[in-house]
Amino acid sequence: MNTDKFKSIALNTKTYKRIREMSDKCFPMQISMAKTNDFLIGKAYKKWVDGGGEKFDFNPYPNPNFKK
């Protein structure tokens, strides 16, 4: 595998299962999990760029002691 063209990431089990299900059932024919990710991230990226590339107000690790 050409490591300049492909990189791997770690996914939590819940996300992995969702992508597996979408790869198997969401499209007219079963596609790979890599292609499913490529498709979904491409759609989200286009939406973000078309929206001006503004940052999302999202924190996956919220600090319960932090107050705005």
C-alpha atoms as a PDB file:
ATOM      1  CA  MET A   1       0.000   0.000   0.000  1.00  0.00           C
ATOM      2  CA  ASN A   2       1.253   3.462  -0.856  1.00  0.00           C
ATOM      3  CA  THR A   3       1.426   5.245   2.515  1.00  0.00           C
ATOM      4  CA  ASP A   4       1.619   8.620   0.766  1.00  0.00           C
ATOM      5  CA  LYS A   5      -1.912   8.119  -0.618  1.00  0.00           C
ATOM      6  CA  PHE A   6      -3.627   6.257   2.233  1.00  0.00           C
ATOM      7  CA  LYS A   7      -3.776   6.827   5.996  1.00  0.00           C
ATOM      8  CA  SER A   8      -5.616   4.922   8.689  1.00  0.00           C
ATOM      9  CA  ILE A   9      -7.651   6.206  11.603  1.00  0.00           C
ATOM     10  CA  ALA A  10      -9.069   4.593  14.732  1.00  0.00           C
ATOM     11  CA  LEU A  11     -12.853   4.550  15.093  1.00  0.00           C
ATOM     12  CA  ASN A  12     -14.862   3.708  18.149  1.00  0.00           C
ATOM     13  CA  THR A  13     -16.940   0.549  17.873  1.00  0.00           C
ATOM     14  CA  LYS A  14     -20.260   2.397  17.563  1.00  0.00           C
ATOM     15  CA  THR A  15     -19.014   4.442  14.602  1.00  0.00           C
ATOM     16  CA  TYR A  16     -17.456   1.372  12.979  1.00  0.00           C
ATOM     17  CA  LYS A  17     -20.764  -0.500  13.188  1.00  0.00           C
ATOM     18  CA  ARG A  18     -22.655   2.447  11.689  1.00  0.00           C
ATOM     19  CA  ILE A  19     -20.254   2.677   8.759  1.00  0.00           C
ATOM     20  CA  ARG A  20     -20.379  -1.100   8.263  1.00  0.00           C
ATOM     21  CA  GLU A  21     -24.200  -0.993   8.173  1.00  0.00           C
ATOM     22  CA  MET A  22     -24.222   1.924   5.727  1.00  0.00           C
ATOM     23  CA  SER A  23     -21.630   0.212   3.506  1.00  0.00           C
ATOM     24  CA  ASP A  24     -23.808  -2.893   3.400  1.00  0.00           C
ATOM     25  CA  LYS A  25     -27.301  -1.370   3.155  1.00  0.00           C
ATOM     26  CA  CYS A  26     -27.310   2.319   2.255  1.00  0.00           C
ATOM     27  CA  PHE A  27     -26.274   2.154  -1.388  1.00  0.00           C
ATOM     28  CA  PRO A  28     -27.739   0.322  -4.421  1.00  0.00           C
ATOM     29  CA  MET A  29     -24.839  -2.125  -4.161  1.00  0.00           C
ATOM     30  CA  GLN A  30     -22.562  -3.014  -1.262  1.00  0.00           C
ATOM     31  CA  ILE A  31     -19.420  -0.833  -1.208  1.00  0.00           C
ATOM     32  CA  SER A  32     -16.282  -0.851   0.909  1.00  0.00           C
ATOM     33  CA  MET A  33     -16.124   0.934   4.230  1.00  0.00           C
ATOM     34  CA  ALA A  34     -13.291   3.078   2.846  1.00  0.00           C
ATOM     35  CA  LYS A  35     -15.451   4.200  -0.091  1.00  0.00           C
ATOM     36  CA  THR A  36     -18.398   4.839   2.270  1.00  0.00           C
ATOM     37  CA  ASN A  37     -16.197   7.100   4.407  1.00  0.00           C
ATOM     38  CA  ASP A  38     -14.820   8.815   1.312  1.00  0.00           C
ATOM     39  CA  PHE A  39     -18.351   9.502   0.059  1.00  0.00           C
ATOM     40  CA  LEU A  40     -19.748  10.775   3.379  1.00  0.00           C
ATOM     41  CA  ILE A  41     -16.726  12.913   4.230  1.00  0.00           C
ATOM     42  CA  GLY A  42     -16.755  14.330   0.693  1.00  0.00           C
ATOM     43  CA  LYS A  43     -20.393  15.397   1.110  1.00  0.00           C
ATOM     44  CA  ALA A  44     -19.730  16.949   4.538  1.00  0.00           C
ATOM     45  CA  TYR A  45     -16.587  18.699   3.284  1.00  0.00           C
ATOM     46  CA  LYS A  46     -18.416  20.196   0.290  1.00  0.00           C
ATOM     47  CA  LYS A  47     -21.202  21.437   2.570  1.00  0.00           C
ATOM     48  CA  TRP A  48     -18.637  22.987   4.923  1.00  0.00           C
ATOM     49  CA  VAL A  49     -16.682  24.672   2.085  1.00  0.00           C
ATOM     50  CA  ASP A  50     -19.869  25.904   0.397  1.00  0.00           C
ATOM     51  CA  GLY A  51     -20.925  27.356   3.767  1.00  0.00           C
ATOM     52  CA  GLY A  52     -17.808  29.508   3.975  1.00  0.00           C
ATOM     53  CA  GLY A  53     -15.623  27.106   5.938  1.00  0.00           C
ATOM     54  CA  GLU A  54     -16.802  28.397   9.306  1.00  0.00           C
ATOM     55  CA  LYS A  55     -15.931  26.434  12.417  1.00  0.00           C
ATOM     56  CA  PHE A  56     -18.555  24.221  14.003  1.00  0.00           C
ATOM     57  CA  ASP A  57     -19.524  24.792  17.608  1.00  0.00           C
ATOM     58  CA  PHE A  58     -18.752  21.212  18.591  1.00  0.00           C
ATOM     59  CA  ASN A  59     -16.618  19.770  21.350  1.00  0.00           C
ATOM     60  CA  PRO A  60     -16.454  15.971  21.499  1.00  0.00           C
ATOM     61  CA  TYR A  61     -14.848  16.160  24.942  1.00  0.00           C
ATOM     62  CA  PRO A  62     -16.893  18.717  26.871  1.00  0.00           C
ATOM     63  CA  ASN A  63     -15.472  19.883  30.158  1.00  0.00           C
ATOM     64  CA  PRO A  64     -18.321  19.943  32.708  1.00  0.00           C
ATOM     65  CA  ASN A  65     -16.445  22.587  34.745  1.00  0.00           C
ATOM     66  CA  PHE A  66     -16.148  25.035  31.830  1.00  0.00           C
ATOM     67  CA  LYS A  67     -18.636  27.902  31.771  1.00  0.00           C
ATOM     68  CA  LYS A  68     -19.075  30.282  28.805  1.00  0.00           C
END
